[in-house]
N, C-alpha and C. Protein backbone atom coordinates (compact mmCIF):
# COMPACT_ATOMS: atom_id res chain seq x y z
N MET A 1 -47.30 0.37 -21.93
CA MET A 1 -47.73 1.07 -23.01
C MET A 1 -46.44 2.07 -23.67
N LEU A 2 -46.21 2.18 -24.62
CA LEU A 2 -45.61 2.91 -25.14
C LEU A 2 -46.14 4.49 -26.14
N ASP A 3 -46.99 3.77 -26.66
CA ASP A 3 -47.70 4.52 -27.72
C ASP A 3 -49.13 4.15 -27.91
N HIS A 4 -50.04 5.25 -28.29
CA HIS A 4 -50.99 4.90 -28.62
C HIS A 4 -51.95 6.16 -29.45
N ASN A 5 -52.89 5.82 -30.41
CA ASN A 5 -53.56 7.03 -30.78
C ASN A 5 -54.69 7.78 -30.31
N ALA A 6 -55.37 8.42 -30.76
CA ALA A 6 -56.35 9.36 -29.99
C ALA A 6 -57.94 7.97 -29.98
N GLU A 7 -57.90 7.42 -31.33
CA GLU A 7 -59.16 6.13 -30.97
C GLU A 7 -58.85 5.05 -29.81
N ALA A 8 -57.61 4.97 -29.56
CA ALA A 8 -57.31 4.08 -28.50
C ALA A 8 -58.07 4.47 -27.23
N GLU A 9 -57.83 5.69 -27.00
CA GLU A 9 -58.36 6.43 -25.63
C GLU A 9 -60.10 6.07 -25.81
N ALA A 10 -60.64 6.12 -26.68
CA ALA A 10 -62.10 5.71 -26.61
C ALA A 10 -62.08 4.45 -26.07
N LEU A 11 -61.63 3.32 -26.06
CA LEU A 11 -61.51 2.24 -25.86
C LEU A 11 -60.90 1.92 -24.60
N CYS A 12 -59.95 2.67 -24.35
CA CYS A 12 -59.52 2.69 -22.78
C CYS A 12 -58.91 3.94 -22.53
N GLU A 13 -59.92 4.40 -21.46
CA GLU A 13 -59.70 5.96 -20.97
C GLU A 13 -58.39 6.54 -20.21
N ARG A 14 -57.92 5.12 -19.62
CA ARG A 14 -56.67 5.05 -19.16
C ARG A 14 -55.58 5.66 -19.64
N LEU A 15 -55.72 5.57 -21.10
CA LEU A 15 -54.56 5.90 -21.91
C LEU A 15 -54.59 7.07 -22.14
N GLY A 16 -55.37 7.93 -21.76
CA GLY A 16 -55.34 9.37 -22.11
C GLY A 16 -54.36 9.84 -20.63
N ALA A 17 -54.17 9.29 -19.45
CA ALA A 17 -53.83 9.59 -18.39
C ALA A 17 -52.23 9.23 -18.61
N ALA A 18 -51.25 10.19 -18.05
CA ALA A 18 -50.01 10.18 -18.50
C ALA A 18 -49.22 8.94 -17.81
N GLY A 19 -50.02 8.12 -16.52
CA GLY A 19 -49.50 7.22 -15.91
C GLY A 19 -49.65 5.88 -16.91
N ALA A 20 -50.23 5.67 -17.96
CA ALA A 20 -50.46 4.86 -18.81
C ALA A 20 -49.17 4.22 -19.31
N VAL A 21 -48.22 5.29 -19.87
CA VAL A 21 -46.99 5.03 -20.58
C VAL A 21 -45.74 4.28 -19.78
N GLY A 22 -45.51 3.23 -20.17
CA GLY A 22 -44.72 2.28 -19.42
C GLY A 22 -45.46 1.15 -19.20
N GLU A 23 -46.75 1.31 -18.67
CA GLU A 23 -47.30 -0.03 -18.25
C GLU A 23 -47.95 -0.68 -18.94
N ARG A 24 -48.12 -1.92 -18.85
CA ARG A 24 -48.23 -3.24 -19.45
C ARG A 24 -49.36 -2.83 -19.88
N TYR A 25 -49.88 -3.71 -21.06
CA TYR A 25 -51.05 -3.57 -21.79
C TYR A 25 -52.62 -3.97 -20.73
N GLU A 26 -51.98 -5.21 -20.20
CA GLU A 26 -53.28 -5.69 -19.07
C GLU A 26 -53.58 -4.60 -17.79
N ARG A 27 -52.36 -4.08 -17.44
CA ARG A 27 -52.64 -2.85 -16.44
C ARG A 27 -53.06 -1.65 -17.03
N ALA A 28 -52.64 -1.26 -18.09
CA ALA A 28 -53.13 -0.16 -18.70
C ALA A 28 -54.62 -0.33 -19.07
N CYS A 29 -54.68 -1.34 -19.74
CA CYS A 29 -56.38 -1.34 -20.31
C CYS A 29 -56.94 -2.63 -20.08
N PRO A 30 -57.57 -2.95 -18.71
CA PRO A 30 -57.79 -4.22 -18.50
C PRO A 30 -59.12 -4.30 -18.90
N ALA A 31 -59.94 -3.72 -19.39
CA ALA A 31 -61.26 -4.08 -20.21
C ALA A 31 -60.75 -4.58 -21.31
N LEU A 32 -60.21 -4.05 -22.14
CA LEU A 32 -59.61 -5.04 -23.26
C LEU A 32 -58.75 -5.82 -23.27
N ALA A 33 -58.04 -6.01 -21.96
CA ALA A 33 -57.26 -7.37 -22.09
C ALA A 33 -57.96 -8.35 -21.60
N ALA A 34 -59.39 -8.09 -21.13
CA ALA A 34 -60.30 -8.95 -20.60
C ALA A 34 -60.84 -9.78 -21.74
N VAL A 35 -60.94 -8.90 -22.91
CA VAL A 35 -62.01 -9.60 -24.10
C VAL A 35 -60.71 -9.93 -25.18
N ALA A 36 -59.50 -9.17 -25.15
CA ALA A 36 -58.64 -9.63 -26.14
C ALA A 36 -57.18 -9.91 -25.30
N PRO A 37 -57.02 -10.65 -24.37
CA PRO A 37 -55.71 -11.19 -23.76
C PRO A 37 -54.87 -11.41 -24.89
N LEU A 38 -53.43 -11.03 -24.42
CA LEU A 38 -52.55 -11.17 -25.60
C LEU A 38 -52.11 -12.84 -25.72
N SER A 39 -52.24 -13.41 -24.78
CA SER A 39 -52.29 -14.93 -24.73
C SER A 39 -53.08 -15.40 -26.17
N ALA A 40 -54.24 -15.08 -26.08
CA ALA A 40 -55.06 -15.42 -27.28
C ALA A 40 -54.87 -15.02 -28.35
N LEU A 41 -53.65 -13.99 -28.66
CA LEU A 41 -53.63 -13.27 -30.13
C LEU A 41 -51.89 -13.61 -30.24
N GLU A 42 -51.37 -14.68 -29.65
CA GLU A 42 -50.14 -15.00 -29.92
C GLU A 42 -49.68 -15.53 -31.47
N ASP A 43 -50.71 -16.00 -31.85
CA ASP A 43 -50.40 -16.53 -33.53
C ASP A 43 -50.46 -15.88 -34.29
N GLY A 44 -50.85 -14.24 -34.05
CA GLY A 44 -50.58 -13.24 -35.07
C GLY A 44 -52.09 -13.07 -35.73
N ARG A 45 -52.92 -13.97 -35.58
CA ARG A 45 -54.40 -14.02 -36.87
C ARG A 45 -55.22 -13.04 -35.75
N PRO A 46 -56.05 -12.15 -36.69
CA PRO A 46 -57.04 -11.42 -36.14
C PRO A 46 -58.33 -12.20 -35.20
N ARG A 47 -58.79 -11.64 -34.45
CA ARG A 47 -60.08 -12.25 -33.57
C ARG A 47 -60.87 -11.11 -33.61
N GLU A 48 -62.25 -11.35 -33.89
CA GLU A 48 -63.17 -10.72 -33.24
C GLU A 48 -63.46 -10.46 -32.32
N VAL A 49 -63.73 -9.18 -31.75
CA VAL A 49 -64.22 -8.90 -30.03
C VAL A 49 -65.17 -7.99 -29.85
N THR A 50 -65.93 -7.89 -28.89
CA THR A 50 -67.26 -6.92 -28.83
C THR A 50 -66.71 -6.41 -27.56
N VAL A 51 -67.04 -5.01 -27.88
CA VAL A 51 -66.50 -3.93 -26.70
C VAL A 51 -67.77 -2.92 -26.28
N ARG A 52 -68.33 -2.45 -25.45
CA ARG A 52 -68.95 -1.45 -25.19
C ARG A 52 -68.02 -0.46 -25.02
N VAL A 53 -68.71 0.59 -25.97
CA VAL A 53 -67.89 2.06 -26.08
C VAL A 53 -69.05 3.02 -25.87
N ALA A 54 -68.85 3.95 -24.87
CA ALA A 54 -70.06 5.17 -24.60
C ALA A 54 -71.46 4.56 -24.81
N ASP A 55 -71.75 3.06 -24.03
CA ASP A 55 -73.06 2.76 -23.99
C ASP A 55 -73.58 2.18 -25.54
N GLU A 56 -72.52 1.78 -26.33
CA GLU A 56 -72.80 1.29 -27.77
C GLU A 56 -71.97 -0.34 -27.66
N ARG A 57 -72.40 -0.96 -28.29
CA ARG A 57 -71.48 -2.22 -28.61
C ARG A 57 -70.85 -2.00 -30.11
N ARG A 58 -69.56 -2.11 -30.07
CA ARG A 58 -68.63 -1.95 -31.08
C ARG A 58 -67.92 -3.27 -31.14
N HIS A 59 -67.87 -3.45 -32.63
CA HIS A 59 -67.20 -4.77 -33.11
C HIS A 59 -65.72 -4.38 -33.44
N TYR A 60 -64.49 -5.31 -33.15
CA TYR A 60 -63.12 -4.77 -33.10
C TYR A 60 -62.64 -6.25 -34.10
N SER A 61 -61.78 -5.85 -34.83
CA SER A 61 -60.89 -7.30 -35.31
C SER A 61 -59.46 -6.70 -34.40
N VAL A 62 -59.32 -7.83 -33.75
CA VAL A 62 -57.84 -7.46 -33.06
C VAL A 62 -56.58 -8.38 -33.44
N GLN A 63 -55.80 -7.52 -33.85
CA GLN A 63 -54.35 -8.55 -34.07
C GLN A 63 -53.24 -8.08 -33.31
N ARG A 64 -52.28 -8.88 -32.70
CA ARG A 64 -51.03 -8.45 -32.49
C ARG A 64 -50.03 -8.81 -33.18
N THR A 65 -48.85 -7.89 -33.39
CA THR A 65 -47.92 -8.21 -34.05
C THR A 65 -46.40 -8.00 -33.26
N PRO A 66 -45.48 -8.73 -33.36
CA PRO A 66 -44.22 -8.48 -32.58
C PRO A 66 -43.68 -7.06 -32.96
N LEU A 67 -43.04 -6.41 -32.33
CA LEU A 67 -42.22 -5.12 -32.59
C LEU A 67 -40.93 -5.83 -33.21
N SER A 68 -40.05 -6.82 -32.86
CA SER A 68 -38.94 -7.46 -33.25
C SER A 68 -39.31 -8.84 -33.18
N PRO A 69 -39.58 -9.52 -34.17
CA PRO A 69 -39.84 -11.16 -34.20
C PRO A 69 -38.72 -11.89 -33.52
N ARG A 70 -37.43 -11.19 -33.78
CA ARG A 70 -36.36 -12.10 -33.15
C ARG A 70 -36.45 -11.93 -31.40
N SER A 71 -36.26 -10.58 -31.15
CA SER A 71 -35.97 -10.23 -29.49
C SER A 71 -37.26 -10.88 -28.84
N GLY A 72 -38.57 -10.95 -29.26
CA GLY A 72 -39.78 -11.44 -28.64
C GLY A 72 -40.17 -10.30 -27.48
N VAL A 73 -39.27 -9.17 -27.77
CA VAL A 73 -39.74 -7.95 -26.94
C VAL A 73 -40.66 -6.98 -27.70
N GLY A 74 -41.70 -6.78 -26.76
CA GLY A 74 -42.67 -5.93 -27.18
C GLY A 74 -43.56 -6.15 -28.47
N SER A 75 -45.02 -5.97 -28.36
CA SER A 75 -45.55 -6.02 -29.71
C SER A 75 -46.52 -4.74 -30.04
N THR A 76 -47.15 -4.98 -31.13
CA THR A 76 -48.29 -3.83 -31.17
C THR A 76 -49.68 -4.57 -30.82
N VAL A 77 -50.59 -3.85 -30.81
CA VAL A 77 -52.06 -4.66 -30.60
C VAL A 77 -53.06 -3.58 -31.16
N VAL A 78 -53.42 -4.01 -32.42
CA VAL A 78 -54.20 -3.03 -32.97
C VAL A 78 -55.65 -3.54 -33.10
N PHE A 79 -56.53 -2.47 -32.98
CA PHE A 79 -57.89 -2.59 -32.93
C PHE A 79 -58.44 -2.02 -33.90
N THR A 80 -59.27 -2.69 -35.09
CA THR A 80 -59.84 -2.09 -36.32
C THR A 80 -61.14 -2.36 -35.96
N ASP A 81 -61.97 -1.22 -35.71
CA ASP A 81 -63.40 -0.92 -35.80
C ASP A 81 -63.87 -1.79 -37.04
N VAL A 82 -64.66 -3.04 -36.87
CA VAL A 82 -65.45 -3.69 -37.74
C VAL A 82 -67.25 -3.65 -37.51
N THR A 83 -67.59 -2.85 -37.15
CA THR A 83 -68.99 -2.78 -36.67
C THR A 83 -69.69 -2.80 -37.80
N ASP A 84 -69.58 -1.78 -38.73
CA ASP A 84 -70.65 -1.74 -40.10
C ASP A 84 -70.28 -3.40 -40.39
N LEU A 85 -69.16 -3.54 -40.90
CA LEU A 85 -69.25 -4.98 -41.47
C LEU A 85 -70.02 -6.20 -40.82
N VAL A 86 -69.91 -6.23 -39.35
CA VAL A 86 -70.52 -7.11 -38.87
C VAL A 86 -72.06 -6.90 -38.92
N THR A 87 -72.53 -5.34 -38.92
CA THR A 87 -73.87 -5.47 -39.13
C THR A 87 -74.22 -5.52 -40.32
N TYR A 88 -73.40 -5.23 -41.49
CA TYR A 88 -74.08 -5.85 -42.78
C TYR A 88 -73.94 -7.42 -42.73
N ARG A 89 -72.95 -7.95 -42.59
CA ARG A 89 -73.02 -9.24 -42.39
C ARG A 89 -74.26 -9.99 -41.68
N ARG A 90 -74.71 -9.57 -41.03
CA ARG A 90 -75.41 -10.17 -40.06
C ARG A 90 -77.00 -9.52 -41.02
N GLU A 91 -76.97 -8.59 -41.51
CA GLU A 91 -78.37 -8.39 -42.61
C GLU A 91 -78.26 -9.24 -43.74
N LEU A 92 -77.07 -9.35 -44.32
CA LEU A 92 -76.70 -10.33 -45.42
C LEU A 92 -77.65 -11.97 -44.61
N GLU A 93 -77.03 -12.29 -43.78
CA GLU A 93 -77.84 -13.44 -43.38
C GLU A 93 -79.24 -13.45 -42.81
N ARG A 94 -79.62 -12.75 -42.27
CA ARG A 94 -80.91 -12.30 -42.24
C ARG A 94 -82.08 -12.56 -43.50
N GLN A 95 -81.35 -11.98 -44.47
CA GLN A 95 -81.77 -11.60 -45.97
C GLN A 95 -81.79 -13.30 -46.23
N ASN A 96 -80.53 -13.66 -46.45
CA ASN A 96 -80.39 -15.57 -46.86
C ASN A 96 -81.41 -16.16 -46.24
N GLU A 97 -81.67 -16.02 -44.73
CA GLU A 97 -82.43 -16.82 -44.16
C GLU A 97 -84.02 -16.47 -44.37
N GLN A 98 -84.32 -15.18 -45.10
CA GLN A 98 -85.64 -15.08 -45.52
C GLN A 98 -85.97 -15.78 -46.79
N LEU A 99 -84.82 -15.65 -47.75
CA LEU A 99 -84.81 -16.02 -49.25
C LEU A 99 -84.94 -17.74 -49.03
N ASP A 100 -84.27 -18.32 -48.49
CA ASP A 100 -84.32 -19.76 -48.27
C ASP A 100 -85.77 -20.40 -47.76
N GLN A 101 -86.38 -19.37 -46.73
CA GLN A 101 -87.54 -19.43 -46.44
C GLN A 101 -88.84 -19.17 -47.89
N PHE A 102 -88.40 -18.32 -48.11
CA PHE A 102 -89.43 -18.14 -49.50
C PHE A 102 -88.94 -19.50 -50.48
N ALA A 103 -88.26 -19.75 -50.70
CA ALA A 103 -87.64 -20.94 -51.48
C ALA A 103 -88.32 -22.09 -51.29
N GLN A 104 -88.43 -22.34 -50.07
CA GLN A 104 -88.74 -23.59 -49.54
C GLN A 104 -90.47 -23.42 -49.59
N THR A 105 -90.98 -22.04 -49.27
CA THR A 105 -92.38 -22.24 -49.53
C THR A 105 -93.16 -22.26 -50.83
N VAL A 106 -91.97 -21.70 -51.58
CA VAL A 106 -92.46 -21.61 -53.17
C VAL A 106 -92.30 -23.18 -53.72
N THR A 107 -91.35 -23.87 -53.65
CA THR A 107 -91.31 -25.19 -53.95
C THR A 107 -92.28 -26.28 -52.99
N HIS A 108 -92.53 -26.13 -51.93
CA HIS A 108 -93.67 -26.86 -51.52
C HIS A 108 -95.18 -26.46 -52.13
N ASP A 109 -95.26 -25.14 -52.26
CA ASP A 109 -96.73 -24.78 -53.17
C ASP A 109 -96.67 -25.11 -54.96
N LEU A 110 -95.49 -25.28 -55.00
CA LEU A 110 -95.44 -25.95 -56.57
C LEU A 110 -95.56 -27.36 -56.64
N ARG A 111 -94.97 -28.02 -55.53
CA ARG A 111 -94.86 -29.48 -55.69
C ARG A 111 -96.27 -30.12 -55.68
N ASN A 112 -97.35 -29.63 -55.18
CA ASN A 112 -98.47 -30.58 -54.95
C ASN A 112 -99.47 -30.56 -56.49
N PRO A 113 -99.15 -29.21 -57.34
CA PRO A 113 -99.86 -28.83 -58.44
C PRO A 113 -99.35 -29.68 -59.51
N LEU A 114 -97.78 -29.78 -59.37
CA LEU A 114 -97.06 -30.77 -60.60
C LEU A 114 -97.23 -32.21 -60.07
N ASN A 115 -97.21 -32.35 -58.91
CA ASN A 115 -97.47 -33.78 -58.47
C ASN A 115 -99.07 -34.30 -59.24
N VAL A 116 -100.05 -33.39 -59.09
CA VAL A 116 -101.56 -33.35 -59.64
C VAL A 116 -101.41 -33.60 -61.18
N ALA A 117 -100.77 -33.17 -61.71
CA ALA A 117 -100.28 -33.03 -63.38
C ALA A 117 -99.86 -34.22 -63.58
N GLN A 118 -98.73 -34.70 -62.93
CA GLN A 118 -98.06 -35.54 -63.18
C GLN A 118 -99.01 -36.79 -63.22
N GLY A 119 -100.07 -36.88 -62.27
CA GLY A 119 -100.81 -38.02 -61.82
C GLY A 119 -101.87 -38.19 -63.05
N TYR A 120 -102.20 -36.84 -63.57
CA TYR A 120 -103.39 -36.87 -64.43
C TYR A 120 -102.44 -37.15 -66.14
N LEU A 121 -101.18 -36.95 -66.57
CA LEU A 121 -100.14 -37.33 -67.32
C LEU A 121 -100.32 -39.03 -67.16
N GLU A 122 -100.23 -39.31 -66.03
CA GLU A 122 -99.80 -40.62 -66.18
C GLU A 122 -101.46 -41.77 -66.39
N LEU A 123 -102.11 -40.98 -66.04
CA LEU A 123 -103.69 -41.74 -66.35
C LEU A 123 -103.98 -41.34 -68.20
N LEU A 124 -103.74 -40.30 -68.08
CA LEU A 124 -103.67 -40.19 -69.69
C LEU A 124 -102.75 -41.24 -70.61
N ALA A 125 -101.61 -41.46 -70.16
CA ALA A 125 -100.74 -42.53 -70.66
C ALA A 125 -101.68 -43.93 -70.70
N ASP A 126 -102.34 -44.29 -69.56
CA ASP A 126 -102.96 -45.25 -69.47
C ASP A 126 -103.97 -45.58 -70.09
N ASP A 127 -104.77 -44.24 -70.47
CA ASP A 127 -105.77 -44.27 -71.24
C ASP A 127 -105.56 -44.54 -72.79
N VAL A 128 -104.65 -43.75 -73.28
CA VAL A 128 -104.28 -43.94 -74.37
C VAL A 128 -103.80 -45.31 -75.04
N ALA A 129 -102.88 -45.86 -73.74
CA ALA A 129 -102.55 -47.29 -73.87
C ALA A 129 -103.65 -48.32 -74.10
N ALA A 130 -104.66 -48.06 -73.32
CA ALA A 130 -105.63 -48.94 -73.25
C ALA A 130 -106.48 -48.85 -74.47
N ALA A 131 -106.65 -47.54 -74.82
CA ALA A 131 -107.61 -47.47 -76.11
C ALA A 131 -106.88 -48.09 -77.45
N GLU A 132 -105.12 -47.86 -77.47
CA GLU A 132 -104.46 -48.41 -78.43
C GLU A 132 -104.80 -50.16 -78.34
N ALA A 133 -104.60 -50.51 -77.24
CA ALA A 133 -105.12 -52.19 -77.11
C ALA A 133 -106.20 -52.43 -77.59
N ARG A 134 -107.69 -51.35 -77.47
CA ARG A 134 -109.04 -51.77 -77.75
C ARG A 134 -108.92 -51.72 -79.47
N GLY A 135 -108.30 -50.86 -79.96
CA GLY A 135 -108.06 -50.65 -81.51
C GLY A 135 -108.86 -49.33 -81.48
N ALA A 136 -109.24 -48.61 -80.32
CA ALA A 136 -109.86 -47.45 -80.48
C ALA A 136 -109.76 -46.41 -79.09
N ALA A 137 -110.12 -45.23 -79.38
CA ALA A 137 -109.65 -44.37 -78.32
C ALA A 137 -110.81 -43.58 -77.88
N ASP A 138 -110.98 -43.44 -76.71
CA ASP A 138 -111.98 -42.99 -75.95
C ASP A 138 -111.55 -41.10 -75.94
N SER A 139 -111.97 -40.63 -76.97
CA SER A 139 -111.56 -39.26 -77.41
C SER A 139 -112.08 -38.43 -76.33
N GLU A 140 -113.09 -38.30 -75.79
CA GLU A 140 -113.48 -37.17 -74.63
C GLU A 140 -112.56 -37.67 -73.30
N THR A 141 -112.55 -39.00 -72.78
CA THR A 141 -111.53 -39.40 -71.89
C THR A 141 -110.31 -38.82 -72.04
N VAL A 142 -109.77 -38.70 -73.04
CA VAL A 142 -108.23 -38.39 -73.30
C VAL A 142 -108.57 -36.82 -73.23
N ARG A 143 -109.29 -36.21 -73.70
CA ARG A 143 -109.59 -34.53 -73.88
C ARG A 143 -109.52 -34.16 -72.58
N GLU A 144 -110.39 -34.73 -71.78
CA GLU A 144 -110.65 -34.13 -70.36
C GLU A 144 -109.52 -34.45 -69.43
N ARG A 145 -108.73 -35.46 -69.72
CA ARG A 145 -107.30 -35.21 -68.78
C ARG A 145 -106.19 -34.53 -69.56
N PHE A 146 -106.42 -34.27 -70.70
CA PHE A 146 -105.35 -33.47 -71.49
C PHE A 146 -105.74 -31.72 -70.94
N ARG A 147 -107.11 -31.56 -70.50
CA ARG A 147 -107.26 -30.42 -70.16
C ARG A 147 -107.01 -30.18 -68.73
N ALA A 148 -107.27 -31.40 -68.09
CA ALA A 148 -106.93 -30.98 -66.53
C ALA A 148 -105.45 -30.75 -66.48
N VAL A 149 -104.34 -31.33 -67.37
CA VAL A 149 -103.03 -30.88 -67.15
C VAL A 149 -102.73 -29.66 -67.62
N THR A 150 -103.41 -28.96 -68.74
CA THR A 150 -102.91 -28.15 -69.63
C THR A 150 -104.00 -26.81 -68.94
N THR A 151 -104.70 -26.88 -68.16
CA THR A 151 -105.54 -25.53 -67.45
C THR A 151 -104.50 -25.15 -66.44
N PRO A 152 -104.72 -23.60 -66.62
CA PRO A 152 -104.00 -22.75 -65.44
C PRO A 152 -103.68 -23.07 -64.24
N THR A 153 -104.92 -24.02 -63.41
CA THR A 153 -104.94 -24.42 -62.18
C THR A 153 -104.15 -25.76 -61.94
N LEU A 154 -103.69 -25.82 -63.26
CA LEU A 154 -102.65 -27.47 -63.00
C LEU A 154 -103.67 -28.52 -62.46
N GLY A 155 -104.55 -28.58 -63.02
CA GLY A 155 -105.61 -29.48 -62.33
C GLY A 155 -106.09 -29.44 -60.78
N CYS A 156 -106.21 -28.28 -60.54
CA CYS A 156 -106.69 -28.20 -59.14
C CYS A 156 -108.18 -27.63 -58.99
N ARG A 157 -108.77 -28.27 -58.49
CA ARG A 157 -110.23 -27.68 -58.81
C ARG A 157 -110.58 -26.50 -57.75
N ARG A 158 -111.24 -25.46 -58.21
CA ARG A 158 -111.84 -24.40 -57.65
C ARG A 158 -112.98 -24.57 -56.55
């Protein structure tokens, strides 16, 4: 460790001690190195980790960047607090699940009345076809089927 900011001390208490300067990351901050080892950060892509800070779970995006890409000596490890983003993402996921469940319920609840209406329309079409074949229409049957489809209950009996 050569340098750190005040926020880093909240994550790694040992950084506040003078003895941490010059020590390797793994030795200076063993708890952080356990959840975000340098070997897992070699590709330079950010990783999300969870760390307990002052009896609170905090989420961090961690990224390692070499100080000198040519020499391969030294790197920076940056922990960015993304706790609020993780909280918002989880809340959105929960709301999306609720919306999906609501949509499934509405779809199910509408399917039955629509199937009933479709059945009455098919019967009505059969009645009209039969009446046309006989050369006469049974107007009362046609009206009854038509009312069954056009009433607000969509053919559902109360």
